Amino acid sequence: MNLRKFTEEGVRKFVSFLKDTRAGGSTDIPENLLMDPVNAELVKNIETPSPGFDSKLAFAEAMHSAFKGAGIDEILRSDRHLWMWLTARYFPELCKDANGQPRRPLNDIHRYATTGLGREYPLDKNLLYFPWKMLLLHGASAHWMLEAPLRADTKVMRELANSYRRNVHTQFVELARRFYFDENRQVVRKGATNNKAAGNLRDLERTIKRLDLTYDIFGANADQLLAMLPVERFGRWMKHA
């Protein structure tokens, strides 16, 4: 299926589909929603990857491989209608349970549709866009947050998606990887997203944000960022870094 993007009519119908599905309707995307020119216009004659991704990382890698050198980098970076069409294209992958059975969409339908609801929401909220963006910006330093199934709305991803200034900061993401990811066990460390635990991911973001008022945070590497942090709050995590 070649790459397309929703028209305004397509967005309206997709949002309506999401609401119906949340109310118990079918999770099967109507083919005319994806293919009818009234609903979706062709972006480029380039084949989108076939469904069947075992992780967010696999999806992001497939996307980068499929569109490398296609001359559509700018539209991939910013076009909401394209990412909503891709969300519809892979909707069965996003709305299945651990056993592969269909399930209802998440309560927050902005994870699928970031506009067309009376206001625009950050594109980072989109379940597909954010993994693609993280791999684009951070390469291997983003792998730790992308190992979850494509359907998963992980707390790590939600925390980072809520802070545009931090999630584009390569050294911040690298420091977060050192703190919160157990390389030996290949899991996020316990307490990393517990907002009651000192030094959690949200705490790190807020602390770096405060330091940004005084220091050239974007000019610092991960080791320099670490050295600025208060030991009494981040000592637990510093031993891993």
C-alpha atoms as a PDB file:
ATOM      1  CA  MET A   1       0.000   0.000   0.000  1.00  0.00           C
ATOM      2  CA  ASN A   2       1.573   3.289  -1.132  1.00  0.00           C
ATOM      3  CA  LEU A   3       2.075   6.143   1.305  1.00  0.00           C
ATOM      4  CA  ARG A   4      -0.898   8.466   1.701  1.00  0.00           C
ATOM      5  CA  LYS A   5      -2.197  11.125   4.036  1.00  0.00           C
ATOM      6  CA  PHE A   6      -5.716  11.895   5.172  1.00  0.00           C
ATOM      7  CA  THR A   7      -7.747  14.706   3.673  1.00  0.00           C
ATOM      8  CA  GLU A   8      -9.882  16.762   6.058  1.00  0.00           C
ATOM      9  CA  GLU A   9     -12.752  14.394   5.237  1.00  0.00           C
ATOM     10  CA  GLY A  10     -10.528  11.424   6.011  1.00  0.00           C
ATOM     11  CA  VAL A  11      -9.588  12.931   9.382  1.00  0.00           C
ATOM     12  CA  ARG A  12     -13.260  13.480  10.207  1.00  0.00           C
ATOM     13  CA  LYS A  13     -14.121   9.879   9.333  1.00  0.00           C
ATOM     14  CA  PHE A  14     -11.129   8.484  11.225  1.00  0.00           C
ATOM     15  CA  VAL A  15     -12.044  10.379  14.390  1.00  0.00           C
ATOM     16  CA  SER A  16     -15.622   9.133  14.026  1.00  0.00           C
ATOM     17  CA  PHE A  17     -14.308   5.580  13.563  1.00  0.00           C
ATOM     18  CA  LEU A  18     -12.231   5.883  16.737  1.00  0.00           C
ATOM     19  CA  LYS A  19     -15.210   7.047  18.752  1.00  0.00           C
ATOM     20  CA  ASP A  20     -17.368   4.218  17.392  1.00  0.00           C
ATOM     21  CA  THR A  21     -14.658   1.679  18.162  1.00  0.00           C
ATOM     22  CA  ARG A  22     -14.290   3.012  21.698  1.00  0.00           C
ATOM     23  CA  ALA A  23     -18.041   2.477  22.068  1.00  0.00           C
ATOM     24  CA  GLY A  24     -17.645  -1.188  21.125  1.00  0.00           C
ATOM     25  CA  GLY A  25     -17.613  -1.116  17.329  1.00  0.00           C
ATOM     26  CA  SER A  26     -15.344  -3.129  15.046  1.00  0.00           C
ATOM     27  CA  THR A  27     -11.604  -2.447  15.020  1.00  0.00           C
ATOM     28  CA  ASP A  28     -11.431  -3.267  11.297  1.00  0.00           C
ATOM     29  CA  ILE A  29     -10.468  -0.190   9.303  1.00  0.00           C
ATOM     30  CA  PRO A  30     -12.698   0.292   6.231  1.00  0.00           C
ATOM     31  CA  GLU A  31     -10.519  -0.045   3.129  1.00  0.00           C
ATOM     32  CA  ASN A  32     -12.116   2.991   1.501  1.00  0.00           C
ATOM     33  CA  LEU A  33     -10.927   5.108   4.439  1.00  0.00           C
ATOM     34  CA  LEU A  34      -7.344   4.240   3.533  1.00  0.00           C
ATOM     35  CA  MET A  35      -7.611   4.230  -0.259  1.00  0.00           C
ATOM     36  CA  ASP A  36     -10.482   6.422  -1.476  1.00  0.00           C
ATOM     37  CA  PRO A  37      -9.085   9.762  -2.799  1.00  0.00           C
ATOM     38  CA  VAL A  38     -11.897  11.560  -0.992  1.00  0.00           C
ATOM     39  CA  ASN A  39     -10.412  10.346   2.283  1.00  0.00           C
ATOM     40  CA  ALA A  40      -6.710   9.911   1.531  1.00  0.00           C
ATOM     41  CA  GLU A  41      -4.434  11.547  -1.022  1.00  0.00           C
ATOM     42  CA  LEU A  42      -1.260   9.975  -2.373  1.00  0.00           C
ATOM     43  CA  VAL A  43       1.969  11.369  -0.928  1.00  0.00           C
ATOM     44  CA  LYS A  44       4.360   9.337  -3.047  1.00  0.00           C
ATOM     45  CA  ASN A  45       4.464   6.045  -4.930  1.00  0.00           C
ATOM     46  CA  ILE A  46       6.480   4.348  -2.247  1.00  0.00           C
ATOM     47  CA  GLU A  47       5.396   1.167  -0.519  1.00  0.00           C
ATOM     48  CA  THR A  48       4.713   1.316   3.201  1.00  0.00           C
ATOM     49  CA  PRO A  49       6.121  -1.567   5.289  1.00  0.00           C
ATOM     50  CA  SER A  50       3.927  -4.641   5.675  1.00  0.00           C
ATOM     51  CA  PRO A  51       2.242  -5.069   9.079  1.00  0.00           C
ATOM     52  CA  GLY A  52       3.727  -7.459  11.612  1.00  0.00           C
ATOM     53  CA  PHE A  53       6.091  -5.603  13.968  1.00  0.00           C
ATOM     54  CA  ASP A  54       7.199  -7.207  17.217  1.00  0.00           C
ATOM     55  CA  SER A  55       8.196  -3.898  18.841  1.00  0.00           C
ATOM     56  CA  LYS A  56       8.206  -0.137  18.499  1.00  0.00           C
ATOM     57  CA  LEU A  57      11.840  -0.429  17.476  1.00  0.00           C
ATOM     58  CA  ALA A  58      11.017  -2.847  14.642  1.00  0.00           C
ATOM     59  CA  PHE A  59       8.375  -0.431  13.364  1.00  0.00           C
ATOM     60  CA  ALA A  60      10.680   2.589  13.518  1.00  0.00           C
ATOM     61  CA  GLU A  61      13.500   0.720  11.784  1.00  0.00           C
ATOM     62  CA  ALA A  62      11.141  -0.471   9.031  1.00  0.00           C
ATOM     63  CA  MET A  63       9.885   3.066   8.482  1.00  0.00           C
ATOM     64  CA  HIS A  64      13.365   4.529   8.253  1.00  0.00           C
ATOM     65  CA  SER A  65      14.431   1.807   5.846  1.00  0.00           C
ATOM     66  CA  ALA A  66      11.356   2.196   3.630  1.00  0.00           C
ATOM     67  CA  PHE A  67      11.539   5.980   3.303  1.00  0.00           C
ATOM     68  CA  LYS A  68      15.292   6.568   3.317  1.00  0.00           C
ATOM     69  CA  GLY A  69      16.252   8.752   0.374  1.00  0.00           C
ATOM     70  CA  ALA A  70      12.647   9.223  -0.726  1.00  0.00           C
ATOM     71  CA  GLY A  71      12.807  12.996  -0.356  1.00  0.00           C
ATOM     72  CA  ILE A  72       9.911  13.192   2.090  1.00  0.00           C
ATOM     73  CA  ASP A  73      11.807  13.948   5.298  1.00  0.00           C
ATOM     74  CA  GLU A  74      10.043  17.261   5.907  1.00  0.00           C
ATOM     75  CA  ILE A  75       6.547  15.851   5.567  1.00  0.00           C
ATOM     76  CA  LEU A  76       7.456  12.907   7.813  1.00  0.00           C
ATOM     77  CA  ARG A  77       8.690  15.315  10.464  1.00  0.00           C
ATOM     78  CA  SER A  78       5.589  17.461  10.588  1.00  0.00           C
ATOM     79  CA  ASP A  79       2.488  16.252   8.741  1.00  0.00           C
ATOM     80  CA  ARG A  80      -0.261  15.202  11.149  1.00  0.00           C
ATOM     81  CA  HIS A  81      -2.532  13.904   8.400  1.00  0.00           C
ATOM     82  CA  LEU A  82       0.190  11.551   7.172  1.00  0.00           C
ATOM     83  CA  TRP A  83       0.748  10.094  10.638  1.00  0.00           C
ATOM     84  CA  MET A  84      -2.965   9.695  11.241  1.00  0.00           C
ATOM     85  CA  TRP A  85      -3.219   7.789   7.960  1.00  0.00           C
ATOM     86  CA  LEU A  86      -0.308   5.575   9.038  1.00  0.00           C
ATOM     87  CA  THR A  87      -2.042   5.028  12.380  1.00  0.00           C
ATOM     88  CA  ALA A  88      -5.140   3.892  10.511  1.00  0.00           C
ATOM     89  CA  ARG A  89      -2.993   1.746   8.196  1.00  0.00           C
ATOM     90  CA  TYR A  90      -1.531  -0.128  11.174  1.00  0.00           C
ATOM     91  CA  PHE A  91      -4.541   0.175  13.459  1.00  0.00           C
ATOM     92  CA  PRO A  92      -4.989  -3.612  13.924  1.00  0.00           C
ATOM     93  CA  GLU A  93      -1.388  -3.692  15.239  1.00  0.00           C
ATOM     94  CA  LEU A  94      -2.180  -0.920  17.709  1.00  0.00           C
ATOM     95  CA  CYS A  95      -5.469  -2.364  18.923  1.00  0.00           C
ATOM     96  CA  LYS A  96      -4.745  -5.942  19.878  1.00  0.00           C
ATOM     97  CA  ASP A  97      -4.032  -7.535  23.225  1.00  0.00           C
ATOM     98  CA  ALA A  98      -1.051  -9.653  24.257  1.00  0.00           C
ATOM     99  CA  ASN A  99      -2.739 -12.693  22.683  1.00  0.00           C
ATOM    100  CA  GLY A 100      -3.212 -10.953  19.349  1.00  0.00           C
ATOM    101  CA  GLN A 101      -6.961 -10.481  19.814  1.00  0.00           C
ATOM    102  CA  PRO A 102      -8.703  -7.185  18.945  1.00  0.00           C
ATOM    103  CA  ARG A 103      -9.257  -4.764  21.801  1.00  0.00           C
ATOM    104  CA  ARG A 104     -10.782  -1.318  22.164  1.00  0.00           C
ATOM    105  CA  PRO A 105      -8.588   1.744  21.509  1.00  0.00           C
ATOM    106  CA  LEU A 106      -6.988   3.571  24.415  1.00  0.00           C
ATOM    107  CA  ASN A 107      -9.153   6.088  26.258  1.00  0.00           C
ATOM    108  CA  ASP A 108      -6.959   8.890  24.964  1.00  0.00           C
ATOM    109  CA  ILE A 109      -7.789   8.821  21.266  1.00  0.00           C
ATOM    110  CA  HIS A 110      -5.234  11.584  20.707  1.00  0.00           C
ATOM    111  CA  ARG A 111      -2.713   8.743  20.747  1.00  0.00           C
ATOM    112  CA  TYR A 112      -4.129   7.949  17.295  1.00  0.00           C
ATOM    113  CA  ALA A 113      -5.554  11.290  16.076  1.00  0.00           C
ATOM    114  CA  THR A 114      -3.722  14.490  16.996  1.00  0.00           C
ATOM    115  CA  THR A 115      -6.067  16.922  15.260  1.00  0.00           C
ATOM    116  CA  GLY A 116      -9.637  17.147  14.017  1.00  0.00           C
ATOM    117  CA  LEU A 117     -11.034  17.298  17.543  1.00  0.00           C
ATOM    118  CA  GLY A 118     -11.435  21.036  17.902  1.00  0.00           C
ATOM    119  CA  ARG A 119      -7.760  21.660  18.609  1.00  0.00           C
ATOM    120  CA  GLU A 120      -4.355  20.264  17.723  1.00  0.00           C
ATOM    121  CA  TYR A 121      -2.412  18.052  20.089  1.00  0.00           C
ATOM    122  CA  PRO A 122       1.369  17.573  20.013  1.00  0.00           C
ATOM    123  CA  LEU A 123       2.333  15.152  17.264  1.00  0.00           C
ATOM    124  CA  ASP A 124       4.600  13.480  19.831  1.00  0.00           C
ATOM    125  CA  LYS A 125       1.465  11.963  21.378  1.00  0.00           C
ATOM    126  CA  ASN A 126       0.943   9.785  18.303  1.00  0.00           C
ATOM    127  CA  LEU A 127       1.792   6.138  19.066  1.00  0.00           C
ATOM    128  CA  LEU A 128       3.664   5.730  15.780  1.00  0.00           C
ATOM    129  CA  TYR A 129       5.276   9.116  15.269  1.00  0.00           C
ATOM    130  CA  PHE A 130       7.138   9.209  18.568  1.00  0.00           C
ATOM    131  CA  PRO A 131       9.086   5.925  18.114  1.00  0.00           C
ATOM    132  CA  TRP A 132      10.022   7.023  14.584  1.00  0.00           C
ATOM    133  CA  LYS A 133      11.186  10.406  15.875  1.00  0.00           C
ATOM    134  CA  MET A 134      13.195   8.962  18.763  1.00  0.00           C
ATOM    135  CA  LEU A 135      15.085   6.588  16.494  1.00  0.00           C
ATOM    136  CA  LEU A 136      15.707   9.398  13.999  1.00  0.00           C
ATOM    137  CA  LEU A 137      17.147  11.729  16.639  1.00  0.00           C
ATOM    138  CA  HIS A 138      18.896   9.349  19.005  1.00  0.00           C
ATOM    139  CA  GLY A 139      19.758   6.156  17.158  1.00  0.00           C
ATOM    140  CA  ALA A 140      20.992   3.398  19.462  1.00  0.00           C
ATOM    141  CA  SER A 141      20.473   5.589  22.544  1.00  0.00           C
ATOM    142  CA  ALA A 142      16.723   5.298  21.916  1.00  0.00           C
ATOM    143  CA  HIS A 143      16.588   1.498  21.655  1.00  0.00           C
ATOM    144  CA  TRP A 144      15.962   1.058  25.381  1.00  0.00           C
ATOM    145  CA  MET A 145      12.619   2.876  25.182  1.00  0.00           C
ATOM    146  CA  LEU A 146      11.465   1.156  21.987  1.00  0.00           C
ATOM    147  CA  GLU A 147      11.583  -2.517  22.956  1.00  0.00           C
ATOM    148  CA  ALA A 148       7.919  -2.591  24.041  1.00  0.00           C
ATOM    149  CA  PRO A 149       5.197  -3.920  21.702  1.00  0.00           C
ATOM    150  CA  LEU A 150       3.951  -1.426  19.136  1.00  0.00           C
ATOM    151  CA  ARG A 151       0.518  -1.347  20.827  1.00  0.00           C
ATOM    152  CA  ALA A 152       1.938  -0.433  24.258  1.00  0.00           C
ATOM    153  CA  ASP A 153       1.463   3.050  25.676  1.00  0.00           C
ATOM    154  CA  THR A 154       4.434   2.884  28.024  1.00  0.00           C
ATOM    155  CA  LYS A 155       4.995   5.341  30.843  1.00  0.00           C
ATOM    156  CA  VAL A 156       8.546   6.041  29.680  1.00  0.00           C
ATOM    157  CA  MET A 157       7.246   7.089  26.278  1.00  0.00           C
ATOM    158  CA  ARG A 158       4.473   9.206  27.813  1.00  0.00           C
ATOM    159  CA  GLU A 159       6.873  11.015  30.117  1.00  0.00           C
ATOM    160  CA  LEU A 160       9.284  11.833  27.294  1.00  0.00           C
ATOM    161  CA  ALA A 161       6.546  12.762  24.827  1.00  0.00           C
ATOM    162  CA  ASN A 162       5.301  15.365  27.306  1.00  0.00           C
ATOM    163  CA  SER A 163       8.617  17.242  27.210  1.00  0.00           C
ATOM    164  CA  TYR A 164       9.528  18.331  23.702  1.00  0.00           C
ATOM    165  CA  ARG A 165      12.588  20.292  24.843  1.00  0.00           C
ATOM    166  CA  ARG A 166      14.027  17.237  26.615  1.00  0.00           C
ATOM    167  CA  ASN A 167      13.132  14.497  24.148  1.00  0.00           C
ATOM    168  CA  VAL A 168      15.076  16.225  21.363  1.00  0.00           C
ATOM    169  CA  HIS A 169      18.140  16.594  23.612  1.00  0.00           C
ATOM    170  CA  THR A 170      20.470  13.740  22.684  1.00  0.00           C
ATOM    171  CA  GLN A 171      22.577  13.918  25.851  1.00  0.00           C
ATOM    172  CA  PHE A 172      19.525  14.036  28.110  1.00  0.00           C
ATOM    173  CA  VAL A 173      18.159  10.879  26.462  1.00  0.00           C
ATOM    174  CA  GLU A 174      21.563   9.212  26.800  1.00  0.00           C
ATOM    175  CA  LEU A 175      21.726  10.070  30.515  1.00  0.00           C
ATOM    176  CA  ALA A 176      18.180   8.762  30.996  1.00  0.00           C
ATOM    177  CA  ARG A 177      19.214   5.507  29.312  1.00  0.00           C
ATOM    178  CA  ARG A 178      22.172   5.123  31.690  1.00  0.00           C
ATOM    179  CA  PHE A 179      20.047   5.854  34.739  1.00  0.00           C
ATOM    180  CA  TYR A 180      16.900   3.918  34.013  1.00  0.00           C
ATOM    181  CA  PHE A 181      17.718   1.004  31.725  1.00  0.00           C
ATOM    182  CA  ASP A 182      19.255  -2.243  32.965  1.00  0.00           C
ATOM    183  CA  GLU A 183      21.434  -3.403  30.076  1.00  0.00           C
ATOM    184  CA  ASN A 184      22.022  -6.850  31.581  1.00  0.00           C
ATOM    185  CA  ARG A 185      18.344  -7.655  32.083  1.00  0.00           C
ATOM    186  CA  GLN A 186      17.139  -5.513  29.176  1.00  0.00           C
ATOM    187  CA  VAL A 187      14.380  -3.916  31.234  1.00  0.00           C
ATOM    188  CA  VAL A 188      13.558  -0.458  32.562  1.00  0.00           C
ATOM    189  CA  ARG A 189      14.690  -0.301  36.177  1.00  0.00           C
ATOM    190  CA  LYS A 190      12.110  -0.400  38.940  1.00  0.00           C
ATOM    191  CA  GLY A 191      11.169   3.070  40.122  1.00  0.00           C
ATOM    192  CA  ALA A 192      12.214   4.834  36.924  1.00  0.00           C
ATOM    193  CA  THR A 193       8.680   6.067  36.265  1.00  0.00           C
ATOM    194  CA  ASN A 194       7.393   5.992  39.847  1.00  0.00           C
ATOM    195  CA  ASN A 195       6.651   9.643  40.462  1.00  0.00           C
ATOM    196  CA  LYS A 196       6.920   9.126  44.214  1.00  0.00           C
ATOM    197  CA  ALA A 197      10.508   7.866  43.919  1.00  0.00           C
ATOM    198  CA  ALA A 198      13.339  10.389  44.172  1.00  0.00           C
ATOM    199  CA  GLY A 199      15.241  10.851  40.951  1.00  0.00           C
ATOM    200  CA  ASN A 200      12.607   9.317  38.678  1.00  0.00           C
ATOM    201  CA  LEU A 201      12.416  10.226  34.982  1.00  0.00           C
ATOM    202  CA  ARG A 202       9.995  13.109  35.547  1.00  0.00           C
ATOM    203  CA  ASP A 203      12.204  14.380  38.377  1.00  0.00           C
ATOM    204  CA  LEU A 204      15.206  14.285  36.032  1.00  0.00           C
ATOM    205  CA  GLU A 205      13.320  16.287  33.411  1.00  0.00           C
ATOM    206  CA  ARG A 206      12.236  18.925  35.923  1.00  0.00           C
ATOM    207  CA  THR A 207      15.717  19.214  37.432  1.00  0.00           C
ATOM    208  CA  ILE A 208      17.367  19.640  34.032  1.00  0.00           C
ATOM    209  CA  LYS A 209      14.684  22.209  33.155  1.00  0.00           C
ATOM    210  CA  ARG A 210      15.640  24.261  36.219  1.00  0.00           C
ATOM    211  CA  LEU A 211      19.343  23.952  35.422  1.00  0.00           C
ATOM    212  CA  ASP A 212      18.549  25.149  31.895  1.00  0.00           C
ATOM    213  CA  LEU A 213      17.827  28.585  33.362  1.00  0.00           C
ATOM    214  CA  THR A 214      21.467  28.955  34.421  1.00  0.00           C
ATOM    215  CA  TYR A 215      23.590  26.574  32.352  1.00  0.00           C
ATOM    216  CA  ASP A 216      24.062  25.801  28.664  1.00  0.00           C
ATOM    217  CA  ILE A 217      22.316  22.448  28.981  1.00  0.00           C
ATOM    218  CA  PHE A 218      22.380  21.730  25.256  1.00  0.00           C
ATOM    219  CA  GLY A 219      26.109  22.331  25.207  1.00  0.00           C
ATOM    220  CA  ALA A 220      26.749  19.738  27.930  1.00  0.00           C
ATOM    221  CA  ASN A 221      27.421  16.045  27.415  1.00  0.00           C
ATOM    222  CA  ALA A 222      25.804  13.318  29.513  1.00  0.00           C
ATOM    223  CA  ASP A 223      28.679  13.215  32.017  1.00  0.00           C
ATOM    224  CA  GLN A 224      28.495  16.981  32.527  1.00  0.00           C
ATOM    225  CA  LEU A 225      24.729  16.815  33.016  1.00  0.00           C
ATOM    226  CA  LEU A 226      25.213  14.079  35.598  1.00  0.00           C
ATOM    227  CA  ALA A 227      27.754  16.195  37.487  1.00  0.00           C
ATOM    228  CA  MET A 228      25.187  19.011  37.849  1.00  0.00           C
ATOM    229  CA  LEU A 229      22.579  16.814  39.532  1.00  0.00           C
ATOM    230  CA  PRO A 230      22.082  16.767  43.319  1.00  0.00           C
ATOM    231  CA  VAL A 231      23.410  13.525  44.770  1.00  0.00           C
ATOM    232  CA  GLU A 232      20.768  13.445  47.489  1.00  0.00           C
ATOM    233  CA  ARG A 233      18.046  13.030  44.845  1.00  0.00           C
ATOM    234  CA  PHE A 234      19.846  11.072  42.123  1.00  0.00           C
ATOM    235  CA  GLY A 235      22.439   9.063  44.006  1.00  0.00           C
ATOM    236  CA  ARG A 236      20.424   5.862  43.577  1.00  0.00           C
ATOM    237  CA  TRP A 237      20.638   6.217  39.796  1.00  0.00           C
ATOM    238  CA  MET A 238      24.159   7.655  39.577  1.00  0.00           C
ATOM    239  CA  LYS A 239      25.676   4.344  40.579  1.00  0.00           C
ATOM    240  CA  HIS A 240      24.379   2.876  37.308  1.00  0.00           C
ATOM    241  CA  ALA A 241      25.834   5.678  35.191  1.00  0.00           C
END
